[in-house]
Amino acid sequence: MSWGSAVDIWNLAGLIWDLFEGEHLFKDIFDAEGRHDPFKHLALMVALIGPPPREFVRRSETTTQCFNSSGAWIAHADAMIPSISLEGLERRLSGQEKATFIQFMRSMLKWLPEERSTAKQLLGDSWLL
C-alpha cells in the first residue's frame, strides 16, 4: 500500500488523542522485550476501529499473516483482539460531546487511506467548531 498525506491524518488522530486524553491511543503494542509487536498493534486497531475491509486485505502485502481473505483475524495467540473500544477509552467527555469527539476520531482512523477525512474536512468538523 502506498504512502500519502492520509497517513498524516491517521497520525493527527493519534496526536489529538494523546494530547486530549493524556495517554497514547495505541499503547499496549510491545512484546515482553519492549519491541514493537505489529500483531498486537493490528489487534488493537481491530478492537478500536473494527475489522479491515476486504479491499484493505487485498491491497496489503503482509495482511495474510493476520487476516483471512474475508478480513477475519487469524494471527497468533499472543496478539488476541482486546475487548476495548474508543468509547470505553474516552473518559473526559459524556453525552453528545463524547459522541461528537468519537465521530471526529473515527473520521481519521479509517483502514483505507482514501476514506479518511482530509485536513480541510476536519477543519469544518463540528467537534472543532
Protein backbone atom coordinates (compact mmCIF):
# COMPACT_ATOMS: atom_id res chain seq x y z
CA MET A 1 0.00 0.00 0.00
CA SER A 2 1.44 3.37 -0.93
CA TRP A 3 2.01 6.26 1.47
CA GLY A 4 0.42 9.66 1.05
CA SER A 5 -0.97 12.58 3.03
CA ALA A 6 -3.68 10.33 4.51
CA VAL A 7 -1.03 8.82 6.80
CA ASP A 8 -0.65 12.29 8.31
CA ILE A 9 -4.38 12.29 9.05
CA TRP A 10 -4.03 8.95 10.88
CA ASN A 11 -1.08 10.36 12.84
CA LEU A 12 -3.06 13.51 13.62
CA ALA A 13 -5.75 11.35 15.20
CA GLY A 14 -3.14 9.72 17.41
CA LEU A 15 -1.68 13.10 18.36
CA ILE A 16 -5.09 14.60 19.17
CA TRP A 17 -5.96 11.58 21.31
CA ASP A 18 -2.63 11.74 23.15
CA LEU A 19 -2.99 15.46 23.88
CA PHE A 20 -6.68 15.40 24.77
CA GLU A 21 -6.78 12.16 26.74
CA GLY A 22 -3.30 12.36 28.25
CA GLU A 23 -2.29 8.86 27.15
CA HIS A 24 -1.40 7.04 23.96
CA LEU A 25 -4.24 5.54 21.97
CA PHE A 26 -2.03 2.67 20.81
CA LYS A 27 -0.10 1.95 23.99
CA ASP A 28 -0.12 -1.83 24.51
CA ILE A 29 1.71 -2.71 21.30
CA PHE A 30 5.02 -4.02 22.62
CA ASP A 31 6.31 -7.52 23.32
CA ALA A 32 7.90 -8.70 26.59
CA GLU A 33 11.27 -7.26 25.50
CA GLY A 34 9.79 -3.83 24.77
CA ARG A 35 9.92 -4.15 20.97
CA HIS A 36 7.06 -3.05 18.76
CA ASP A 37 4.79 -6.01 18.05
CA PRO A 38 2.95 -5.44 14.75
CA PHE A 39 0.46 -8.23 15.57
CA LYS A 40 -0.51 -6.60 18.88
CA HIS A 41 -0.72 -3.25 17.12
CA LEU A 42 -3.07 -4.61 14.45
CA ALA A 43 -5.16 -6.45 17.07
CA LEU A 44 -5.63 -3.17 18.93
CA MET A 45 -6.59 -1.42 15.70
CA VAL A 46 -9.24 -4.09 15.06
CA ALA A 47 -10.60 -3.59 18.59
CA LEU A 48 -10.78 0.20 18.21
CA ILE A 49 -11.95 0.67 14.62
CA GLY A 50 -13.30 -2.73 13.62
CA PRO A 51 -12.02 -5.31 11.18
CA PRO A 52 -10.43 -4.13 7.94
CA PRO A 53 -12.49 -4.13 4.77
CA ARG A 54 -11.68 -6.78 2.19
CA GLU A 55 -10.16 -4.10 -0.05
CA PHE A 56 -7.54 -3.33 2.62
CA VAL A 57 -6.68 -7.02 2.98
CA ARG A 58 -6.47 -7.38 -0.79
CA ARG A 59 -4.13 -4.38 -1.20
CA SER A 60 -1.72 -5.10 1.60
CA GLU A 61 1.35 -7.25 1.06
CA THR A 62 1.53 -8.64 4.60
CA THR A 63 -2.04 -8.94 5.84
CA THR A 64 -2.24 -12.66 5.06
CA GLN A 65 -0.25 -13.16 8.28
CA CYS A 66 -3.08 -11.58 10.27
CA PHE A 67 -6.33 -11.72 8.29
CA ASN A 68 -8.04 -14.21 6.04
CA SER A 69 -9.50 -13.13 2.69
CA SER A 70 -12.73 -12.06 4.42
CA GLY A 71 -10.87 -9.81 6.86
CA ALA A 72 -11.23 -12.11 9.90
CA TRP A 73 -8.37 -12.10 12.44
CA ILE A 74 -6.13 -15.18 12.25
CA ALA A 75 -2.91 -14.03 13.99
CA HIS A 76 -1.25 -15.93 16.81
CA ALA A 77 -2.49 -16.25 20.40
CA ASP A 78 -0.04 -13.65 21.75
CA ALA A 79 -1.96 -10.98 19.86
CA MET A 80 -5.60 -11.52 20.72
CA ILE A 81 -8.05 -8.74 19.93
CA PRO A 82 -8.69 -6.92 23.22
CA SER A 83 -12.22 -6.17 24.41
CA ILE A 84 -11.96 -2.39 24.30
CA SER A 85 -13.40 0.44 22.23
CA LEU A 86 -12.78 4.11 21.55
CA GLU A 87 -15.94 4.88 23.52
CA GLY A 88 -14.67 2.90 26.51
CA LEU A 89 -11.22 4.50 26.45
CA GLU A 90 -12.53 8.07 26.23
CA ARG A 91 -13.17 9.23 29.82
CA ARG A 92 -13.19 13.04 29.74
CA LEU A 93 -16.45 13.63 27.90
CA SER A 94 -20.04 12.42 28.07
CA GLY A 95 -23.24 12.53 26.07
CA GLN A 96 -23.31 14.32 22.74
CA GLU A 97 -19.91 15.92 23.30
CA LYS A 98 -18.35 12.46 23.63
CA ALA A 99 -20.23 11.13 20.60
CA THR A 100 -19.04 14.09 18.50
CA PHE A 101 -15.43 13.59 19.59
CA ILE A 102 -15.54 9.86 18.82
CA GLN A 103 -17.06 10.58 15.41
CA PHE A 104 -14.25 13.10 14.78
CA MET A 105 -11.64 10.49 15.72
CA ARG A 106 -13.28 7.79 13.59
CA SER A 107 -13.24 10.11 10.57
CA MET A 108 -9.43 9.96 10.72
CA LEU A 109 -8.97 6.37 11.87
CA LYS A 110 -10.01 4.51 8.74
CA TRP A 111 -8.29 1.43 7.32
CA LEU A 112 -8.44 2.70 3.76
CA PRO A 113 -6.49 5.96 3.42
CA GLU A 114 -8.85 7.38 0.82
CA GLU A 115 -11.75 7.08 3.29
CA ARG A 116 -10.08 9.29 5.91
CA SER A 117 -11.19 12.88 6.21
CA THR A 118 -8.95 15.46 4.61
CA ALA A 119 -7.40 18.31 6.59
CA LYS A 120 -9.90 20.69 5.01
CA GLN A 121 -12.82 18.48 6.00
CA LEU A 122 -11.50 18.21 9.55
CA LEU A 123 -11.37 22.00 9.90
CA GLY A 124 -15.14 22.05 9.36
CA ASP A 125 -15.87 19.21 11.78
CA SER A 126 -18.47 20.01 14.43
CA TRP A 127 -16.16 18.87 17.23
CA LEU A 128 -13.76 21.71 16.37
CA LEU A 129 -16.43 24.35 15.89
